[in-house]
PDB file of N, CA and C in Angstrom:
ATOM      1  N   UNK A   1      20.324   4.180 -23.304  1.00  0.00           N
ATOM      2  CA  UNK A   1      20.445   2.643 -22.478  1.00  0.00           C
ATOM      3  C   UNK A   1      20.497   1.634 -22.983  1.00  0.00           C
ATOM      4  N   UNK A   2      21.043   0.881 -22.834  1.00  0.00           N
ATOM      5  CA  UNK A   2      21.590  -0.644 -23.466  1.00  0.00           C
ATOM      6  C   UNK A   2      19.959  -1.630 -23.001  1.00  0.00           C
ATOM      7  N   UNK A   3      19.482  -2.298 -23.965  1.00  0.00           N
ATOM      8  CA  UNK A   3      18.432  -2.946 -24.231  1.00  0.00           C
ATOM      9  C   UNK A   3      18.404  -4.006 -22.737  1.00  0.00           C
ATOM     10  N   UNK A   4      19.475  -4.370 -22.293  1.00  0.00           N
ATOM     11  CA  UNK A   4      19.398  -5.360 -21.040  1.00  0.00           C
ATOM     12  C   UNK A   4      19.141  -4.447 -19.913  1.00  0.00           C
ATOM     13  N   UNK A   5      19.812  -3.164 -19.798  1.00  0.00           N
ATOM     14  CA  UNK A   5      19.800  -2.395 -18.642  1.00  0.00           C
ATOM     15  C   UNK A   5      18.377  -1.944 -18.436  1.00  0.00           C
ATOM     16  N   UNK A   6      17.655  -1.617 -19.197  1.00  0.00           N
ATOM     17  CA  UNK A   6      16.528  -1.164 -19.972  1.00  0.00           C
ATOM     18  C   UNK A   6      15.616  -2.416 -19.544  1.00  0.00           C
ATOM     19  N   UNK A   7      15.762  -3.223 -19.610  1.00  0.00           N
ATOM     20  CA  UNK A   7      14.343  -4.391 -19.606  1.00  0.00           C
ATOM     21  C   UNK A   7      14.696  -4.875 -17.863  1.00  0.00           C
ATOM     22  N   UNK A   8      16.009  -4.554 -17.234  1.00  0.00           N
ATOM     23  CA  UNK A   8      15.982  -4.783 -15.791  1.00  0.00           C
ATOM     24  C   UNK A   8      15.142  -3.801 -15.149  1.00  0.00           C
ATOM     25  N   UNK A   9      15.268  -2.360 -15.708  1.00  0.00           N
ATOM     26  CA  UNK A   9      14.852  -1.542 -14.906  1.00  0.00           C
ATOM     27  C   UNK A   9      13.288  -1.415 -15.157  1.00  0.00           C
ATOM     28  N   UNK A  10      12.593  -2.106 -16.288  1.00  0.00           N
ATOM     29  CA  UNK A  10      11.241  -2.319 -16.514  1.00  0.00           C
ATOM     30  C   UNK A  10      11.082  -3.001 -15.590  1.00  0.00           C
ATOM     31  N   UNK A  11      11.995  -4.218 -15.595  1.00  0.00           N
ATOM     32  CA  UNK A  11      11.294  -5.671 -14.757  1.00  0.00           C
ATOM     33  C   UNK A  11      11.367  -5.046 -13.259  1.00  0.00           C
ATOM     34  N   UNK A  12      12.574  -4.387 -12.612  1.00  0.00           N
ATOM     35  CA  UNK A  12      12.225  -4.053 -11.296  1.00  0.00           C
ATOM     36  C   UNK A  12      11.194  -2.804 -11.154  1.00  0.00           C
ATOM     37  N   UNK A  13      10.725  -2.102 -11.627  1.00  0.00           N
ATOM     38  CA  UNK A  13       9.631  -0.899 -11.683  1.00  0.00           C
ATOM     39  C   UNK A  13       8.279  -1.749 -11.569  1.00  0.00           C
ATOM     40  N   UNK A  14       8.147  -2.879 -12.422  1.00  0.00           N
ATOM     41  CA  UNK A  14       6.976  -3.825 -12.415  1.00  0.00           C
ATOM     42  C   UNK A  14       6.569  -4.440 -11.083  1.00  0.00           C
ATOM     43  N   UNK A  15       7.737  -4.828 -10.621  1.00  0.00           N
ATOM     44  CA  UNK A  15       8.120  -5.739  -9.280  1.00  0.00           C
ATOM     45  C   UNK A  15       8.056  -5.291  -7.933  1.00  0.00           C
ATOM     46  N   UNK A  16       8.003  -3.382  -7.979  1.00  0.00           N
ATOM     47  CA  UNK A  16       8.026  -2.778  -6.992  1.00  0.00           C
ATOM     48  C   UNK A  16       6.905  -2.959  -6.038  1.00  0.00           C
ATOM     49  N   UNK A  17       6.881  -2.806  -4.738  1.00  0.00           N
ATOM     50  CA  UNK A  17       5.665  -2.530  -3.949  1.00  0.00           C
ATOM     51  C   UNK A  17       4.912  -1.472  -3.628  1.00  0.00           C
ATOM     52  N   UNK A  18       4.008  -1.310  -4.080  1.00  0.00           N
ATOM     53  CA  UNK A  18       3.223  -0.343  -4.091  1.00  0.00           C
ATOM     54  C   UNK A  18       2.140   0.043  -2.625  1.00  0.00           C
ATOM     55  N   UNK A  19       2.301   1.348  -2.195  1.00  0.00           N
ATOM     56  CA  UNK A  19       1.756   1.409  -1.105  1.00  0.00           C
ATOM     57  C   UNK A  19       0.621   2.292  -1.180  1.00  0.00           C
ATOM     58  N   UNK A  20      -0.305   1.882  -0.741  1.00  0.00           N
ATOM     59  CA  UNK A  20      -1.876   2.729  -0.843  1.00  0.00           C
ATOM     60  C   UNK A  20      -2.031   3.433   0.737  1.00  0.00           C
ATOM     61  N   UNK A  21      -2.833   4.582   0.197  1.00  0.00           N
ATOM     62  CA  UNK A  21      -2.966   5.210   1.662  1.00  0.00           C
ATOM     63  C   UNK A  21      -3.779   6.443   1.311  1.00  0.00           C
ATOM     64  N   UNK A  22      -3.796   7.378   2.700  1.00  0.00           N
ATOM     65  CA  UNK A  22      -4.299   8.225   3.034  1.00  0.00           C
ATOM     66  C   UNK A  22      -3.494   9.773   3.152  1.00  0.00           C
ATOM     67  N   UNK A  23      -3.672  10.760   2.771  1.00  0.00           N
ATOM     68  CA  UNK A  23      -2.295  11.888   2.550  1.00  0.00           C
ATOM     69  C   UNK A  23      -3.292  13.174   2.628  1.00  0.00           C
ATOM     70  N   UNK A  24      -2.286  14.195   3.427  1.00  0.00           N
ATOM     71  CA  UNK A  24      -3.051  15.661   3.632  1.00  0.00           C
ATOM     72  C   UNK A  24      -2.334  16.514   3.034  1.00  0.00           C
ATOM     73  N   UNK A  25      -3.002  17.496   2.386  1.00  0.00           N
ATOM     74  CA  UNK A  25      -2.102  18.662   2.011  1.00  0.00           C
ATOM     75  C   UNK A  25      -2.420  20.058   2.880  1.00  0.00           C
ATOM     76  N   UNK A  26      -1.873  20.472   3.494  1.00  0.00           N
ATOM     77  CA  UNK A  26      -1.841  21.613   4.233  1.00  0.00           C
ATOM     78  C   UNK A  26      -1.523  23.183   3.626  1.00  0.00           C
ATOM     79  N   UNK A  27      -1.988  24.236   3.686  1.00  0.00           N
ATOM     80  CA  UNK A  27      -1.778  25.249   3.616  1.00  0.00           C
ATOM     81  C   UNK A  27      -1.209  26.122   4.889  1.00  0.00           C
ATOM     82  N   UNK A  28      -0.351  26.477   5.388  1.00  0.00           N
ATOM     83  CA  UNK A  28       0.164  27.063   6.308  1.00  0.00           C
ATOM     84  C   UNK A  28      -0.146  28.267   6.517  1.00  0.00           C
ATOM     85  N   UNK A  29      -0.260  29.160   5.641  1.00  0.00           N
ATOM     86  CA  UNK A  29      -0.798  30.568   5.162  1.00  0.00           C
ATOM     87  C   UNK A  29      -2.176  30.784   5.864  1.00  0.00           C
ATOM     88  N   UNK A  30      -3.245  29.867   5.254  1.00  0.00           N
ATOM     89  CA  UNK A  30      -4.400  30.040   5.761  1.00  0.00           C
ATOM     90  C   UNK A  30      -5.105  29.055   6.279  1.00  0.00           C
ATOM     91  N   UNK A  31      -4.138  28.017   6.926  1.00  0.00           N
ATOM     92  CA  UNK A  31      -4.637  26.998   7.663  1.00  0.00           C
ATOM     93  C   UNK A  31      -5.976  26.056   6.954  1.00  0.00           C
ATOM     94  N   UNK A  32      -5.794  25.931   5.769  1.00  0.00           N
ATOM     95  CA  UNK A  32      -6.745  25.086   4.811  1.00  0.00           C
ATOM     96  C   UNK A  32      -5.850  23.734   4.813  1.00  0.00           C
ATOM     97  N   UNK A  33      -6.830  22.889   4.859  1.00  0.00           N
ATOM     98  CA  UNK A  33      -6.585  21.139   5.039  1.00  0.00           C
ATOM     99  C   UNK A  33      -7.333  20.238   3.953  1.00  0.00           C
ATOM    100  N   UNK A  34      -6.821  19.655   2.901  1.00  0.00           N
ATOM    101  CA  UNK A  34      -7.594  18.991   2.034  1.00  0.00           C
ATOM    102  C   UNK A  34      -6.844  17.265   2.394  1.00  0.00           C
ATOM    103  N   UNK A  35      -7.504  16.413   2.385  1.00  0.00           N
ATOM    104  CA  UNK A  35      -7.143  15.109   2.598  1.00  0.00           C
ATOM    105  C   UNK A  35      -7.607  14.258   1.595  1.00  0.00           C
ATOM    106  N   UNK A  36      -6.944  13.313   0.989  1.00  0.00           N
ATOM    107  CA  UNK A  36      -7.081  12.605  -0.472  1.00  0.00           C
ATOM    108  C   UNK A  36      -6.577  11.319   0.111  1.00  0.00           C
ATOM    109  N   UNK A  37      -6.978  10.035  -1.057  1.00  0.00           N
ATOM    110  CA  UNK A  37      -6.730   8.833  -0.640  1.00  0.00           C
ATOM    111  C   UNK A  37      -6.253   8.364  -2.160  1.00  0.00           C
ATOM    112  N   UNK A  38      -4.962   7.349  -2.597  1.00  0.00           N
ATOM    113  CA  UNK A  38      -4.480   6.969  -3.362  1.00  0.00           C
ATOM    114  C   UNK A  38      -4.163   5.501  -3.401  1.00  0.00           C
ATOM    115  N   UNK A  39      -4.386   5.063  -4.689  1.00  0.00           N
ATOM    116  CA  UNK A  39      -3.607   3.760  -4.513  1.00  0.00           C
ATOM    117  C   UNK A  39      -1.926   3.479  -4.268  1.00  0.00           C
ATOM    118  N   UNK A  40      -1.230   4.659  -5.057  1.00  0.00           N
ATOM    119  CA  UNK A  40       0.199   4.752  -4.870  1.00  0.00           C
ATOM    120  C   UNK A  40       0.852   5.744  -4.231  1.00  0.00           C
ATOM    121  N   UNK A  41       1.095   5.431  -3.197  1.00  0.00           N
ATOM    122  CA  UNK A  41       1.350   7.066  -2.521  1.00  0.00           C
ATOM    123  C   UNK A  41       2.866   7.885  -2.909  1.00  0.00           C
ATOM    124  N   UNK A  42       3.523   6.339  -3.281  1.00  0.00           N
ATOM    125  CA  UNK A  42       4.778   6.903  -4.024  1.00  0.00           C
ATOM    126  C   UNK A  42       4.494   8.115  -5.242  1.00  0.00           C
ATOM    127  N   UNK A  43       3.846   8.487  -5.765  1.00  0.00           N
ATOM    128  CA  UNK A  43       3.722   9.026  -7.067  1.00  0.00           C
ATOM    129  C   UNK A  43       2.883  10.348  -6.518  1.00  0.00           C
ATOM    130  N   UNK A  44       2.105  10.102  -5.642  1.00  0.00           N
ATOM    131  CA  UNK A  44       0.863  11.428  -5.576  1.00  0.00           C
ATOM    132  C   UNK A  44       1.205  12.505  -5.364  1.00  0.00           C
ATOM    133  N   UNK A  45       2.411  12.966  -4.194  1.00  0.00           N
ATOM    134  CA  UNK A  45       2.855  14.303  -4.233  1.00  0.00           C
ATOM    135  C   UNK A  45       3.409  14.782  -5.442  1.00  0.00           C
ATOM    136  N   UNK A  46       4.147  14.358  -5.872  1.00  0.00           N
ATOM    137  CA  UNK A  46       4.541  14.739  -7.490  1.00  0.00           C
ATOM    138  C   UNK A  46       3.506  15.153  -8.240  1.00  0.00           C
ATOM    139  N   UNK A  47       2.441  14.187  -8.655  1.00  0.00           N
ATOM    140  CA  UNK A  47       1.390  14.770  -9.341  1.00  0.00           C
ATOM    141  C   UNK A  47       0.913  16.014  -8.837  1.00  0.00           C
ATOM    142  N   UNK A  48       0.072  15.824  -7.480  1.00  0.00           N
ATOM    143  CA  UNK A  48      -0.173  17.083  -7.107  1.00  0.00           C
ATOM    144  C   UNK A  48       0.274  18.485  -7.478  1.00  0.00           C
ATOM    145  N   UNK A  49       1.786  18.295  -7.166  1.00  0.00           N
ATOM    146  CA  UNK A  49       2.589  19.715  -7.110  1.00  0.00           C
ATOM    147  C   UNK A  49       2.602  19.983  -8.928  1.00  0.00           C
ATOM    148  N   UNK A  50       2.952  18.964  -9.638  1.00  0.00           N
ATOM    149  CA  UNK A  50       2.877  19.046 -11.004  1.00  0.00           C
ATOM    150  C   UNK A  50       1.478  19.864 -11.295  1.00  0.00           C
ATOM    151  N   UNK A  51       0.335  19.226 -11.187  1.00  0.00           N
ATOM    152  CA  UNK A  51      -1.024  20.076 -11.839  1.00  0.00           C
ATOM    153  C   UNK A  51      -1.023  20.938 -10.998  1.00  0.00           C
ATOM    154  N   UNK A  52      -0.719  21.396  -9.925  1.00  0.00           N
ATOM    155  CA  UNK A  52      -0.973  22.725  -9.040  1.00  0.00           C
ATOM    156  C   UNK A  52      -0.207  23.735  -9.891  1.00  0.00           C
ATOM    157  N   UNK A  53       1.097  23.439  -9.938  1.00  0.00           N
ATOM    158  CA  UNK A  53       2.000  24.600 -10.803  1.00  0.00           C
ATOM    159  C   UNK A  53       1.739  24.722 -11.876  1.00  0.00           C
ATOM    160  N   UNK A  54       1.222  23.976 -12.797  1.00  0.00           N
ATOM    161  CA  UNK A  54       0.538  24.120 -14.018  1.00  0.00           C
ATOM    162  C   UNK A  54      -0.839  25.019 -14.205  1.00  0.00           C
ATOM    163  N   UNK A  55      -1.662  25.172 -13.014  1.00  0.00           N
ATOM    164  CA  UNK A  55      -2.835  25.719 -12.861  1.00  0.00           C
ATOM    165  C   UNK A  55      -3.930  24.871 -12.865  1.00  0.00           C
ATOM    166  N   UNK A  56      -3.788  23.391 -13.045  1.00  0.00           N
ATOM    167  CA  UNK A  56      -4.730  22.659 -13.964  1.00  0.00           C
ATOM    168  C   UNK A  56      -5.079  21.483 -12.873  1.00  0.00           C
ATOM    169  N   UNK A  57      -5.248  21.595 -11.417  1.00  0.00           N
ATOM    170  CA  UNK A  57      -5.732  20.982 -10.715  1.00  0.00           C
ATOM    171  C   UNK A  57      -7.202  21.117 -10.482  1.00  0.00           C
ATOM    172  N   UNK A  58      -7.925  20.078 -10.826  1.00  0.00           N
ATOM    173  CA  UNK A  58      -9.511  19.870 -10.672  1.00  0.00           C
ATOM    174  C   UNK A  58     -10.174  20.257  -9.477  1.00  0.00           C
ATOM    175  N   UNK A  59      -9.692  20.412  -8.392  1.00  0.00           N
ATOM    176  CA  UNK A  59     -10.506  20.696  -7.207  1.00  0.00           C
ATOM    177  C   UNK A  59      -9.990  22.285  -6.878  1.00  0.00           C
ATOM    178  N   UNK A  60     -10.544  22.794  -7.297  1.00  0.00           N
ATOM    179  CA  UNK A  60     -11.135  24.287  -7.544  1.00  0.00           C
ATOM    180  C   UNK A  60     -10.451  25.450  -5.978  1.00  0.00           C
ATOM    181  N   UNK A  61     -10.711  24.752  -4.913  1.00  0.00           N
ATOM    182  CA  UNK A  61     -10.435  25.337  -3.743  1.00  0.00           C
ATOM    183  C   UNK A  61      -8.735  25.199  -3.547  1.00  0.00           C
ATOM    184  N   UNK A  62      -8.299  23.986  -3.559  1.00  0.00           N
ATOM    185  CA  UNK A  62      -6.983  23.706  -3.628  1.00  0.00           C
ATOM    186  C   UNK A  62      -5.944  24.501  -4.556  1.00  0.00           C
ATOM    187  N   UNK A  63      -6.519  24.299  -5.955  1.00  0.00           N
ATOM    188  CA  UNK A  63      -5.634  25.428  -6.981  1.00  0.00           C
ATOM    189  C   UNK A  63      -5.595  26.857  -6.446  1.00  0.00           C
ATOM    190  N   UNK A  64      -6.906  27.452  -6.416  1.00  0.00           N
ATOM    191  CA  UNK A  64      -7.019  28.958  -5.710  1.00  0.00           C
ATOM    192  C   UNK A  64      -6.110  29.375  -4.632  1.00  0.00           C
ATOM    193  N   UNK A  65      -6.133  28.212  -3.398  1.00  0.00           N
ATOM    194  CA  UNK A  65      -5.220  28.662  -2.423  1.00  0.00           C
ATOM    195  C   UNK A  65      -3.597  28.482  -2.816  1.00  0.00           C
ATOM    196  N   UNK A  66      -3.300  27.698  -3.771  1.00  0.00           N
ATOM    197  CA  UNK A  66      -2.003  27.146  -4.061  1.00  0.00           C
ATOM    198  C   UNK A  66      -1.853  28.648  -5.050  1.00  0.00           C
ATOM    199  N   UNK A  67      -2.480  29.055  -6.075  1.00  0.00           N
ATOM    200  CA  UNK A  67      -2.023  30.431  -6.914  1.00  0.00           C
ATOM    201  C   UNK A  67      -2.131  31.417  -5.755  1.00  0.00           C
ATOM    202  N   UNK A  68      -3.123  31.666  -4.928  1.00  0.00           N
ATOM    203  CA  UNK A  68      -2.980  32.985  -3.743  1.00  0.00           C
ATOM    204  C   UNK A  68      -1.967  32.535  -2.874  1.00  0.00           C
ATOM    205  N   UNK A  69      -1.338  31.829  -2.815  1.00  0.00           N
ATOM    206  CA  UNK A  69      -0.299  31.619  -1.490  1.00  0.00           C
ATOM    207  C   UNK A  69       1.118  31.472  -2.023  1.00  0.00           C
ATOM    208  N   UNK A  70       1.040  30.753  -3.020  1.00  0.00           N
ATOM    209  CA  UNK A  70       2.533  29.851  -3.376  1.00  0.00           C
ATOM    210  C   UNK A  70       2.462  28.736  -3.006  1.00  0.00           C
ATOM    211  N   UNK A  71       3.370  27.821  -3.609  1.00  0.00           N
ATOM    212  CA  UNK A  71       3.813  26.420  -3.382  1.00  0.00           C
ATOM    213  C   UNK A  71       4.387  26.518  -2.218  1.00  0.00           C
ATOM    214  N   UNK A  72       5.396  27.200  -1.778  1.00  0.00           N
ATOM    215  CA  UNK A  72       6.437  27.512  -0.604  1.00  0.00           C
ATOM    216  C   UNK A  72       5.481  27.095   1.216  1.00  0.00           C
ATOM    217  N   UNK A  73       4.052  27.448   0.803  1.00  0.00           N
ATOM    218  CA  UNK A  73       3.258  27.517   2.191  1.00  0.00           C
ATOM    219  C   UNK A  73       2.741  26.432   2.289  1.00  0.00           C
ATOM    220  N   UNK A  74       2.793  24.796   1.268  1.00  0.00           N
ATOM    221  CA  UNK A  74       2.296  23.816   0.951  1.00  0.00           C
ATOM    222  C   UNK A  74       2.870  22.633   1.914  1.00  0.00           C
ATOM    223  N   UNK A  75       2.273  21.914   2.738  1.00  0.00           N
ATOM    224  CA  UNK A  75       2.871  20.702   2.964  1.00  0.00           C
ATOM    225  C   UNK A  75       2.274  19.526   2.353  1.00  0.00           C
ATOM    226  N   UNK A  76       2.961  18.566   2.345  1.00  0.00           N
ATOM    227  CA  UNK A  76       1.963  16.965   2.238  1.00  0.00           C
ATOM    228  C   UNK A  76       2.636  16.083   3.246  1.00  0.00           C
ATOM    229  N   UNK A  77       1.656  15.380   3.721  1.00  0.00           N
ATOM    230  CA  UNK A  77       1.969  14.289   4.659  1.00  0.00           C
ATOM    231  C   UNK A  77       1.185  13.014   4.646  1.00  0.00           C
ATOM    232  N   UNK A  78       1.723  11.850   4.361  1.00  0.00           N
ATOM    233  CA  UNK A  78       1.226  10.774   4.871  1.00  0.00           C
ATOM    234  C   UNK A  78       0.657  10.454   6.134  1.00  0.00           C
ATOM    235  N   UNK A  79      -0.645  10.404   6.178  1.00  0.00           N
ATOM    236  CA  UNK A  79      -1.297  10.097   7.574  1.00  0.00           C
ATOM    237  C   UNK A  79      -1.745   8.510   7.733  1.00  0.00           C
ATOM    238  N   UNK A  80      -1.929   7.736   6.511  1.00  0.00           N
ATOM    239  CA  UNK A  80      -1.993   6.394   6.742  1.00  0.00           C
ATOM    240  C   UNK A  80      -2.020   5.534   5.594  1.00  0.00           C
ATOM    241  N   UNK A  81      -1.111   4.532   6.196  1.00  0.00           N
ATOM    242  CA  UNK A  81      -0.777   3.532   5.032  1.00  0.00           C
ATOM    243  C   UNK A  81      -1.478   2.201   4.960  1.00  0.00           C
ATOM    244  N   UNK A  82      -1.715   1.679   4.094  1.00  0.00           N
ATOM    245  CA  UNK A  82      -2.540   0.401   3.621  1.00  0.00           C
ATOM    246  C   UNK A  82      -1.701  -0.621   3.652  1.00  0.00           C
ATOM    247  N   UNK A  83      -2.268  -1.753   4.542  1.00  0.00           N
ATOM    248  CA  UNK A  83      -0.939  -3.089   4.327  1.00  0.00           C
ATOM    249  C   UNK A  83      -1.572  -3.372   3.064  1.00  0.00           C
ATOM    250  N   UNK A  84      -0.394  -4.355   2.781  1.00  0.00           N
ATOM    251  CA  UNK A  84      -0.471  -5.050   1.258  1.00  0.00           C
ATOM    252  C   UNK A  84      -1.898  -5.651   0.883  1.00  0.00           C
ATOM    253  N   UNK A  85      -2.525  -5.263  -0.084  1.00  0.00           N
ATOM    254  CA  UNK A  85      -3.656  -5.818  -0.247  1.00  0.00           C
ATOM    255  C   UNK A  85      -3.967  -6.216  -1.915  1.00  0.00           C
ATOM    256  N   UNK A  86      -4.141  -7.272  -1.958  1.00  0.00           N
ATOM    257  CA  UNK A  86      -4.029  -7.626  -3.508  1.00  0.00           C
ATOM    258  C   UNK A  86      -5.263  -7.393  -4.099  1.00  0.00           C
ATOM    259  N   UNK A  87      -6.428  -7.770  -3.713  1.00  0.00           N
ATOM    260  CA  UNK A  87      -7.961  -7.604  -4.344  1.00  0.00           C
ATOM    261  C   UNK A  87      -8.015  -5.703  -4.028  1.00  0.00           C
ATOM    262  N   UNK A  88      -8.173  -5.631  -5.407  1.00  0.00           N
ATOM    263  CA  UNK A  88      -8.531  -3.919  -5.903  1.00  0.00           C
ATOM    264  C   UNK A  88      -9.570  -3.522  -5.504  1.00  0.00           C
ATOM    265  N   UNK A  89     -10.815  -4.496  -5.088  1.00  0.00           N
ATOM    266  CA  UNK A  89     -12.122  -3.820  -5.119  1.00  0.00           C
ATOM    267  C   UNK A  89     -11.727  -3.740  -3.021  1.00  0.00           C
ATOM    268  N   UNK A  90     -11.230  -4.596  -2.400  1.00  0.00           N
ATOM    269  CA  UNK A  90     -11.224  -4.537  -0.838  1.00  0.00           C
ATOM    270  C   UNK A  90     -10.323  -3.058  -0.790  1.00  0.00           C
ATOM    271  N   UNK A  91      -9.089  -3.126  -1.389  1.00  0.00           N
ATOM    272  CA  UNK A  91      -8.358  -1.990  -1.213  1.00  0.00           C
ATOM    273  C   UNK A  91      -9.061  -0.599  -1.435  1.00  0.00           C
ATOM    274  N   UNK A  92      -9.794  -0.599  -2.550  1.00  0.00           N
ATOM    275  CA  UNK A  92     -10.791   0.480  -2.943  1.00  0.00           C
ATOM    276  C   UNK A  92     -11.821   1.091  -2.226  1.00  0.00           C
ATOM    277  N   UNK A  93     -12.620  -0.175  -1.151  1.00  0.00           N
ATOM    278  CA  UNK A  93     -13.359  -0.082  -0.468  1.00  0.00           C
ATOM    279  C   UNK A  93     -12.809   0.592   0.906  1.00  0.00           C
ATOM    280  N   UNK A  94     -11.791  -0.128   1.461  1.00  0.00           N
ATOM    281  CA  UNK A  94     -10.844   0.221   2.378  1.00  0.00           C
ATOM    282  C   UNK A  94     -10.319   1.821   2.429  1.00  0.00           C
ATOM    283  N   UNK A  95      -9.760   2.045   1.336  1.00  0.00           N
ATOM    284  CA  UNK A  95      -9.743   3.508   0.868  1.00  0.00           C
ATOM    285  C   UNK A  95     -10.576   4.309   0.966  1.00  0.00           C
ATOM    286  N   UNK A  96     -11.745   4.405   0.814  1.00  0.00           N
ATOM    287  CA  UNK A  96     -13.149   5.058   0.913  1.00  0.00           C
ATOM    288  C   UNK A  96     -13.357   5.126   2.351  1.00  0.00           C
ATOM    289  N   UNK A  97     -13.366   4.135   3.115  1.00  0.00           N
ATOM    290  CA  UNK A  97     -13.679   4.045   4.549  1.00  0.00           C
ATOM    291  C   UNK A  97     -12.797   5.177   5.383  1.00  0.00           C
ATOM    292  N   UNK A  98     -11.321   4.823   5.141  1.00  0.00           N
ATOM    293  CA  UNK A  98     -10.531   5.990   5.978  1.00  0.00           C
ATOM    294  C   UNK A  98     -10.385   7.134   5.385  1.00  0.00           C
ATOM    295  N   UNK A  99     -10.745   7.550   3.999  1.00  0.00           N
ATOM    296  CA  UNK A  99     -10.843   8.500   3.512  1.00  0.00           C
ATOM    297  C   UNK A  99     -12.187   9.192   4.350  1.00  0.00           C
ATOM    298  N   UNK A 100     -13.303   8.922   4.130  1.00  0.00           N
ATOM    299  CA  UNK A 100     -14.412   9.347   5.397  1.00  0.00           C
ATOM    300  C   UNK A 100     -13.946   9.670   6.660  1.00  0.00           C
ATOM    301  N   UNK A 101     -13.363   8.438   7.285  1.00  0.00           N
ATOM    302  CA  UNK A 101     -12.798   8.786   8.882  1.00  0.00           C
ATOM    303  C   UNK A 101     -11.849  10.126   9.155  1.00  0.00           C
ATOM    304  N   UNK A 102     -10.888  10.191   8.298  1.00  0.00           N
ATOM    305  CA  UNK A 102     -10.129  11.122   8.516  1.00  0.00           C
ATOM    306  C   UNK A 102     -10.625  12.647   7.820  1.00  0.00           C
ATOM    307  N   UNK A 103     -11.128  12.392   6.905  1.00  0.00           N
ATOM    308  CA  UNK A 103     -11.938  13.880   6.363  1.00  0.00           C
ATOM    309  C   UNK A 103     -13.035  14.470   7.952  1.00  0.00           C
ATOM    310  N   UNK A 104     -13.344  13.827   8.803  1.00  0.00           N
ATOM    311  CA  UNK A 104     -14.409  14.052   9.379  1.00  0.00           C
ATOM    312  C   UNK A 104     -13.316  14.328  10.507  1.00  0.00           C
ATOM    313  N   UNK A 105     -12.502  13.591  10.989  1.00  0.00           N
ATOM    314  CA  UNK A 105     -11.641  13.700  12.260  1.00  0.00           C
ATOM    315  C   UNK A 105     -10.755  14.618  12.147  1.00  0.00           C
ATOM    316  N   UNK A 106     -10.346  15.145  10.934  1.00  0.00           N
ATOM    317  CA  UNK A 106      -9.607  16.517  10.961  1.00  0.00           C
ATOM    318  C   UNK A 106     -10.200  17.463  10.242  1.00  0.00           C
ATOM    319  N   UNK A 107     -11.571  17.622   9.988  1.00  0.00           N
ATOM    320  CA  UNK A 107     -12.207  18.513   9.575  1.00  0.00           C
ATOM    321  C   UNK A 107     -11.677  19.009   8.250  1.00  0.00           C
ATOM    322  N   UNK A 108     -11.276  18.388   7.224  1.00  0.00           N
ATOM    323  CA  UNK A 108     -10.635  18.662   5.892  1.00  0.00           C
ATOM    324  C   UNK A 108     -11.530  18.719   5.123  1.00  0.00           C
ATOM    325  N   UNK A 109     -11.487  19.093   3.974  1.00  0.00           N
ATOM    326  CA  UNK A 109     -11.960  18.881   2.646  1.00  0.00           C
ATOM    327  C   UNK A 109     -11.332  17.801   1.930  1.00  0.00           C
ATOM    328  N   UNK A 110     -12.492  17.260   1.146  1.00  0.00           N
ATOM    329  CA  UNK A 110     -12.071  15.859   0.339  1.00  0.00           C
ATOM    330  C   UNK A 110     -11.485  16.430  -0.767  1.00  0.00           C
ATOM    331  N   UNK A 111     -10.469  15.787  -1.321  1.00  0.00           N
ATOM    332  CA  UNK A 111     -10.056  15.947  -2.731  1.00  0.00           C
ATOM    333  C   UNK A 111     -10.588  14.683  -3.526  1.00  0.00           C
TER     334      UNK A 111
END
């Protein structure tokens, strides 16, 4: 890649808007549900699936279900997005509140 192209791609990546929010992972076979929060929704599904395929996800019940039922039985869904929030402290506190709300509302296991 040429130097100018690389700089342009890097600058575009740094300037992209990042959306925070709450997501749900469901296992259709076992009807298990996990809910989590992330400061960057655009990356989290890839990160989850990667660690699950490797067998190294830290949440044991999710990893066990993935191993037992296979990745084809899992779905990923964004259930709430946060509006742009520049303050990291406020974003973190809001994500914690929303995670608690959704965990109770859909009776899910927290990631």
